[in-house]
Amino acid sequence: MFKRLSGILAVASWVAVSGSAISGDSWESTSAVLAEIEVTATEDGAKVFSYKNHGFLLSAAEGDGVMTCTGGGVITEAGTMLRLACEISDKDGDKRYLLVDRSAKDDFAQGQGFMKSAGGTGKHAGRKYECHYEFSYMPKIEGLPYAPVVTANSCTGDLPAASE
């Protein structure tokens, strides 16, 4: 029997990056999101969750953007697994896509992870990059059911193509 729970978890990820790291330019960015989580506890003690967030990515090198991520995962005694797909739209309407895939032996309260490019449109088409990030919860805002989460990202790879 399943028991429905509502909970809030942080956005965190660990992308299993195969091969060597992507070379190229290096830059930093910051993201801030409000995380919406639905958690279901299973009879065997696992917690299965669906995840959606909305927020912003701020980057002098890449340009700022509005971000949405969706996905899910599971929390067991062995740790946490999360898989997300993210879309970031910039002020010109160009989009870029990220994949997030984290497996960690922690409770997801804060930590580190990786993101990897998964295509894009306009100036983001053909970009290849990956980011290491550290995330943490911010104090909950009274009256809001969502968790504010902030990440500091360190990225390497292709920057956006120059606008013409």
Protein backbone atom coordinates (compact mmCIF):
# COMPACT_ATOMS: atom_id res chain seq x y z
CA MET A 1 0.00 0.00 0.00
CA PHE A 2 1.29 3.47 -0.82
CA LYS A 3 1.10 6.42 1.48
CA ARG A 4 1.01 9.84 -0.25
CA LEU A 5 3.34 12.39 1.22
CA SER A 6 4.11 15.91 0.21
CA GLY A 7 7.68 17.00 0.64
CA ILE A 8 10.29 19.36 -0.58
CA LEU A 9 13.68 18.26 -1.77
CA ALA A 10 16.63 20.12 -3.23
CA VAL A 11 17.68 20.11 -6.82
CA ALA A 12 20.84 18.17 -6.98
CA SER A 13 22.43 16.03 -9.51
CA TRP A 14 25.26 13.78 -10.37
CA VAL A 15 25.65 13.19 -14.08
CA ALA A 16 27.50 10.05 -14.97
CA VAL A 17 29.96 11.54 -17.40
CA SER A 18 31.70 8.93 -19.50
CA GLY A 19 35.07 9.57 -21.06
CA SER A 20 37.21 12.60 -20.44
CA ALA A 21 36.04 16.04 -19.42
CA ILE A 22 34.98 18.50 -22.10
CA SER A 23 37.67 21.07 -22.86
CA GLY A 24 37.16 24.68 -23.88
CA ASP A 25 36.24 27.90 -22.15
CA SER A 26 35.51 28.03 -18.41
CA TRP A 27 32.83 30.17 -16.75
CA GLU A 28 30.60 30.40 -13.73
CA SER A 29 26.87 30.86 -13.30
CA THR A 30 24.27 30.82 -10.55
CA SER A 31 20.80 29.36 -10.58
CA ALA A 32 17.91 29.92 -8.20
CA VAL A 33 14.78 27.78 -8.36
CA LEU A 34 11.60 27.01 -6.47
CA ALA A 35 11.32 23.22 -6.22
CA GLU A 36 7.96 21.41 -6.26
CA ILE A 37 8.14 17.79 -5.12
CA GLU A 38 5.56 15.01 -4.75
CA VAL A 39 6.79 12.11 -2.60
CA THR A 40 5.25 8.65 -2.29
CA ALA A 41 6.49 6.26 0.40
CA THR A 42 6.50 2.58 -0.58
CA GLU A 43 5.93 -0.41 1.72
CA ASP A 44 9.61 -1.36 1.50
CA GLY A 45 10.75 2.01 2.89
CA ALA A 46 11.78 3.73 -0.34
CA LYS A 47 10.50 7.18 -1.24
CA VAL A 48 9.71 7.71 -4.91
CA PHE A 49 9.38 11.33 -6.01
CA SER A 50 8.44 13.46 -8.98
CA TYR A 51 10.13 16.80 -9.33
CA LYS A 52 9.47 20.09 -11.09
CA ASN A 53 11.14 23.45 -10.65
CA HIS A 54 10.96 26.93 -12.10
CA GLY A 55 13.69 29.49 -11.75
CA PHE A 56 16.49 31.53 -13.27
CA LEU A 57 20.03 30.92 -14.43
CA LEU A 58 22.29 33.97 -14.26
CA SER A 59 25.48 33.96 -16.32
CA ALA A 60 27.59 36.81 -17.71
CA ALA A 61 29.26 34.35 -20.13
CA GLU A 62 26.17 32.54 -21.43
CA GLY A 63 23.44 35.10 -20.85
CA ASP A 64 20.63 34.88 -18.33
CA GLY A 65 17.66 32.57 -18.78
CA VAL A 66 14.40 31.24 -17.40
CA MET A 67 14.67 27.59 -16.40
CA THR A 68 12.26 24.67 -15.92
CA CYS A 69 13.33 21.15 -14.95
CA THR A 70 11.20 18.01 -14.62
CA GLY A 71 11.99 14.47 -13.61
CA GLY A 72 12.05 12.24 -10.61
CA GLY A 73 13.94 9.77 -8.51
CA VAL A 74 14.04 7.52 -5.50
CA ILE A 75 15.45 7.76 -1.98
CA THR A 76 16.42 4.51 -0.22
CA GLU A 77 18.67 3.61 2.70
CA ALA A 78 21.50 3.24 0.17
CA GLY A 79 21.15 6.84 -1.06
CA THR A 80 19.39 9.02 -3.58
CA MET A 81 19.00 8.84 -7.37
CA LEU A 82 17.64 11.75 -9.42
CA ARG A 83 17.13 12.22 -13.19
CA LEU A 84 16.00 15.53 -14.66
CA ALA A 85 15.66 17.21 -18.02
CA CYS A 86 15.96 21.02 -18.04
CA GLU A 87 15.08 23.72 -20.57
CA ILE A 88 16.55 27.22 -20.34
CA SER A 89 15.13 30.00 -22.53
CA ASP A 90 17.18 33.19 -22.93
CA LYS A 91 15.93 36.73 -23.62
CA ASP A 92 16.22 36.16 -27.41
CA GLY A 93 14.02 33.06 -27.23
CA ASP A 94 16.91 30.67 -27.92
CA LYS A 95 16.75 27.49 -25.86
CA ARG A 96 19.27 25.12 -24.39
CA TYR A 97 18.74 21.77 -22.78
CA LEU A 98 20.52 20.08 -19.86
CA LEU A 99 20.51 16.56 -18.50
CA VAL A 100 20.92 15.98 -14.79
CA ASP A 101 21.55 12.49 -13.39
CA ARG A 102 22.66 12.16 -9.78
CA SER A 103 23.34 9.17 -7.60
CA ALA A 104 24.63 9.90 -4.11
CA LYS A 105 24.86 8.31 -0.70
CA ASP A 106 23.16 11.21 1.07
CA ASP A 107 19.73 12.53 1.97
CA PHE A 108 19.70 15.30 -0.69
CA ALA A 109 19.77 18.20 1.77
CA GLN A 110 22.78 19.78 0.07
CA GLY A 111 25.66 18.59 -2.01
CA GLN A 112 27.35 18.55 -5.38
CA GLY A 113 26.52 17.33 -8.84
CA PHE A 114 27.04 17.63 -12.58
CA MET A 115 24.94 18.79 -15.53
CA LYS A 116 25.60 18.07 -19.20
CA SER A 117 24.45 19.83 -22.37
CA ALA A 118 21.78 18.11 -24.48
CA GLY A 119 21.36 20.43 -27.46
CA GLY A 120 19.79 23.78 -28.11
CA THR A 121 18.44 26.27 -30.64
CA GLY A 122 19.84 29.48 -32.13
CA LYS A 123 23.12 30.51 -30.51
CA HIS A 124 23.00 27.38 -28.30
CA ALA A 125 22.78 24.88 -31.21
CA GLY A 126 25.67 22.43 -31.21
CA ARG A 127 27.09 23.55 -27.84
CA LYS A 128 28.87 20.90 -25.77
CA TYR A 129 29.55 21.67 -22.12
CA GLU A 130 29.30 20.28 -18.63
CA CYS A 131 28.98 21.93 -15.24
CA HIS A 132 29.96 20.95 -11.72
CA TYR A 133 27.74 22.57 -9.13
CA GLU A 134 27.14 22.90 -5.43
CA PHE A 135 23.63 23.46 -4.14
CA SER A 136 21.90 24.31 -0.89
CA TYR A 137 18.45 25.09 0.41
CA MET A 138 17.62 28.64 1.38
CA PRO A 139 15.27 29.38 4.28
CA LYS A 140 11.68 28.61 3.32
CA ILE A 141 9.57 31.64 2.48
CA GLU A 142 6.52 31.77 4.72
CA GLY A 143 3.32 30.97 2.87
CA LEU A 144 5.01 29.29 -0.11
CA PRO A 145 4.85 25.50 -0.47
CA TYR A 146 8.08 25.38 -2.49
CA ALA A 147 11.71 25.09 -1.46
CA PRO A 148 14.08 27.83 -2.63
CA VAL A 149 17.31 26.25 -3.90
CA VAL A 150 20.48 28.02 -5.03
CA THR A 151 23.32 26.50 -7.06
CA ALA A 152 26.80 27.79 -7.85
CA ASN A 153 27.91 26.32 -11.20
CA SER A 154 31.42 25.95 -12.65
CA CYS A 155 31.25 25.07 -16.34
CA THR A 156 33.66 24.05 -19.11
CA GLY A 157 33.05 23.73 -22.84
CA ASP A 158 31.52 25.73 -25.67
CA LEU A 159 30.12 29.19 -24.99
CA PRO A 160 27.13 30.38 -27.08
CA ALA A 161 27.79 31.41 -30.69
CA ALA A 162 28.12 35.17 -31.17
CA SER A 163 24.93 36.98 -32.20
CA GLU A 164 24.98 38.48 -35.66
